[in-house]
C-alpha atoms as a PDB file:
ATOM      1  CA  MET A   1       0.000   0.000   0.000  1.00  0.00           C
ATOM      2  CA  SER A   2       2.898   2.346   0.666  1.00  0.00           C
ATOM      3  CA  GLY A   3       3.953   2.359  -3.008  1.00  0.00           C
ATOM      4  CA  LYS A   4       0.415   3.073  -4.175  1.00  0.00           C
ATOM      5  CA  ARG A   5       0.036   5.986  -1.740  1.00  0.00           C
ATOM      6  CA  THR A   6       3.369   7.457  -2.807  1.00  0.00           C
ATOM      7  CA  PHE A   7       2.330   7.196  -6.461  1.00  0.00           C
ATOM      8  CA  ILE A   8      -0.980   8.952  -5.759  1.00  0.00           C
ATOM      9  CA  GLU A   9       0.757  11.744  -3.835  1.00  0.00           C
ATOM     10  CA  LEU A  10       3.260  12.193  -6.664  1.00  0.00           C
ATOM     11  CA  ALA A  11       0.459  12.276  -9.244  1.00  0.00           C
ATOM     12  CA  ILE A  12      -1.467  14.920  -7.277  1.00  0.00           C
ATOM     13  CA  THR A  13       1.649  17.044  -6.785  1.00  0.00           C
ATOM     14  CA  THR A  14       2.463  16.857 -10.489  1.00  0.00           C
ATOM     15  CA  ALA A  15      -1.094  17.783 -11.477  1.00  0.00           C
ATOM     16  CA  LEU A  16      -1.090  20.788  -9.159  1.00  0.00           C
ATOM     17  CA  GLY A  17       2.246  21.915 -10.573  1.00  0.00           C
ATOM     18  CA  VAL A  18       0.939  21.681 -14.130  1.00  0.00           C
ATOM     19  CA  VAL A  19      -2.178  23.695 -13.222  1.00  0.00           C
ATOM     20  CA  ALA A  20      -0.094  26.376 -11.495  1.00  0.00           C
ATOM     21  CA  ALA A  21       2.308  26.641 -14.441  1.00  0.00           C
ATOM     22  CA  ALA A  22      -0.577  26.880 -16.920  1.00  0.00           C
ATOM     23  CA  SER A  23      -2.252  29.613 -14.869  1.00  0.00           C
ATOM     24  CA  LEU A  24       0.952  31.630 -14.721  1.00  0.00           C
ATOM     25  CA  ALA A  25       1.547  31.222 -18.452  1.00  0.00           C
ATOM     26  CA  LEU A  26      -2.005  32.324 -19.230  1.00  0.00           C
ATOM     27  CA  ALA A  27      -1.717  35.378 -16.993  1.00  0.00           C
ATOM     28  CA  GLN A  28       1.538  36.405 -18.693  1.00  0.00           C
ATOM     29  CA  GLN A  29       0.128  35.774 -22.156  1.00  0.00           C
ATOM     30  CA  GLN A  30      -2.920  37.952 -21.536  1.00  0.00           C
ATOM     31  CA  GLY A  31      -0.783  40.833 -20.268  1.00  0.00           C
ATOM     32  CA  TYR A  32      -2.069  40.599 -16.708  1.00  0.00           C
ATOM     33  CA  GLN A  33      -1.832  44.032 -15.136  1.00  0.00           C
ATOM     34  CA  GLY A  34      -2.411  43.296 -11.472  1.00  0.00           C
ATOM     35  CA  GLY A  35      -5.593  43.321  -9.443  1.00  0.00           C
ATOM     36  CA  ASP A  36      -8.564  45.628  -9.552  1.00  0.00           C
ATOM     37  CA  VAL A  37      -8.268  49.328  -8.859  1.00  0.00           C
ATOM     38  CA  LEU A  38     -11.086  50.640  -6.708  1.00  0.00           C
ATOM     39  CA  PRO A  39     -12.188  54.264  -6.918  1.00  0.00           C
ATOM     40  CA  CYS A  40     -10.936  56.427  -4.044  1.00  0.00           C
ATOM     41  CA  SER A  41      -8.434  53.810  -2.827  1.00  0.00           C
ATOM     42  CA  LEU A  42      -4.785  53.393  -3.691  1.00  0.00           C
ATOM     43  CA  ALA A  43      -4.334  50.575  -1.172  1.00  0.00           C
ATOM     44  CA  GLY A  44      -2.039  47.978  -2.716  1.00  0.00           C
ATOM     45  CA  VAL A  45      -2.085  49.645  -6.138  1.00  0.00           C
ATOM     46  CA  ASN A  46       1.077  49.904  -8.223  1.00  0.00           C
ATOM     47  CA  PRO A  47       0.439  52.596 -10.855  1.00  0.00           C
ATOM     48  CA  ALA A  48       2.960  50.943 -13.174  1.00  0.00           C
ATOM     49  CA  ASP A  49       0.650  47.909 -13.387  1.00  0.00           C
ATOM     50  CA  HIS A  50      -2.294  50.022 -14.609  1.00  0.00           C
ATOM     51  CA  PRO A  51      -1.156  52.231 -17.491  1.00  0.00           C
ATOM     52  CA  SER A  52      -4.709  52.600 -18.820  1.00  0.00           C
ATOM     53  CA  ILE A  53      -5.614  54.458 -15.620  1.00  0.00           C
ATOM     54  CA  PHE A  54      -2.436  56.190 -14.510  1.00  0.00           C
ATOM     55  CA  GLY A  55      -1.214  56.905 -18.041  1.00  0.00           C
ATOM     56  CA  ASN A  56      -4.204  59.215 -18.485  1.00  0.00           C
ATOM     57  CA  PRO A  57      -4.460  61.756 -15.633  1.00  0.00           C
ATOM     58  CA  GLU A  58      -7.988  62.745 -16.691  1.00  0.00           C
ATOM     59  CA  VAL A  59      -9.241  59.150 -16.377  1.00  0.00           C
ATOM     60  CA  ALA A  60      -7.419  58.768 -13.067  1.00  0.00           C
ATOM     61  CA  ARG A  61      -9.073  61.907 -11.694  1.00  0.00           C
ATOM     62  CA  GLN A  62     -12.602  61.607 -13.082  1.00  0.00           C
ATOM     63  CA  GLN A  63     -13.189  57.881 -12.771  1.00  0.00           C
ATOM     64  CA  TYR A  64     -11.000  56.926  -9.813  1.00  0.00           C
ATOM     65  CA  GLY A  65     -10.382  60.114  -7.822  1.00  0.00           C
ATOM     66  CA  PHE A  66      -6.580  60.062  -8.124  1.00  0.00           C
ATOM     67  CA  VAL A  67      -4.269  62.989  -8.807  1.00  0.00           C
ATOM     68  CA  GLN A  68      -0.525  63.061  -9.222  1.00  0.00           C
ATOM     69  CA  GLY A  69       1.259  65.387  -6.840  1.00  0.00           C
ATOM     70  CA  PRO A  70       4.262  67.583  -7.657  1.00  0.00           C
ATOM     71  CA  ASP A  71       6.503  64.879  -6.201  1.00  0.00           C
ATOM     72  CA  GLY A  72       5.167  62.375  -8.784  1.00  0.00           C
ATOM     73  CA  ASN A  73       3.244  60.294  -6.245  1.00  0.00           C
ATOM     74  CA  TRP A  74      -0.429  59.553  -6.780  1.00  0.00           C
ATOM     75  CA  LYS A  75      -2.908  60.653  -4.122  1.00  0.00           C
ATOM     76  CA  VAL A  76      -6.655  60.308  -3.556  1.00  0.00           C
ATOM     77  CA  ILE A  77      -8.439  63.641  -3.902  1.00  0.00           C
ATOM     78  CA  PRO A  78     -10.204  64.995  -0.817  1.00  0.00           C
ATOM     79  CA  ASN A  79     -13.925  64.147  -0.640  1.00  0.00           C
ATOM     80  CA  CYS A  80     -13.324  61.597  -3.376  1.00  0.00           C
ATOM     81  CA  GLU A  81     -16.567  59.665  -2.898  1.00  0.00           C
ATOM     82  CA  SER A  82     -18.688  62.746  -3.611  1.00  0.00           C
ATOM     83  CA  ILE A  83     -16.580  64.078  -6.503  1.00  0.00           C
ATOM     84  CA  ILE A  84     -15.874  61.191  -8.896  1.00  0.00           C
ATOM     85  CA  GLN A  85     -18.114  60.625 -11.899  1.00  0.00           C
ATOM     86  CA  ARG A  86     -19.610  57.139 -12.004  1.00  0.00           C
END
């Protein structure tokens, strides 16, 4: 029984590895740009991963409530929830 159990464990480990590798390859192929960006929150957001938002300051401001400061860092505008256009 020990050999059969070892074989099953090896088969499961191999299958999980194949699934993980396929998922990573698919994400890279589709140009995965990171997670979702929520309006009025920069928590965990890397602007470099979202060029469609942060590459267009007007989109960043109107749809997400973000502005770029003089130091180059992005900030959430005050009273963001009441200002952004949805």
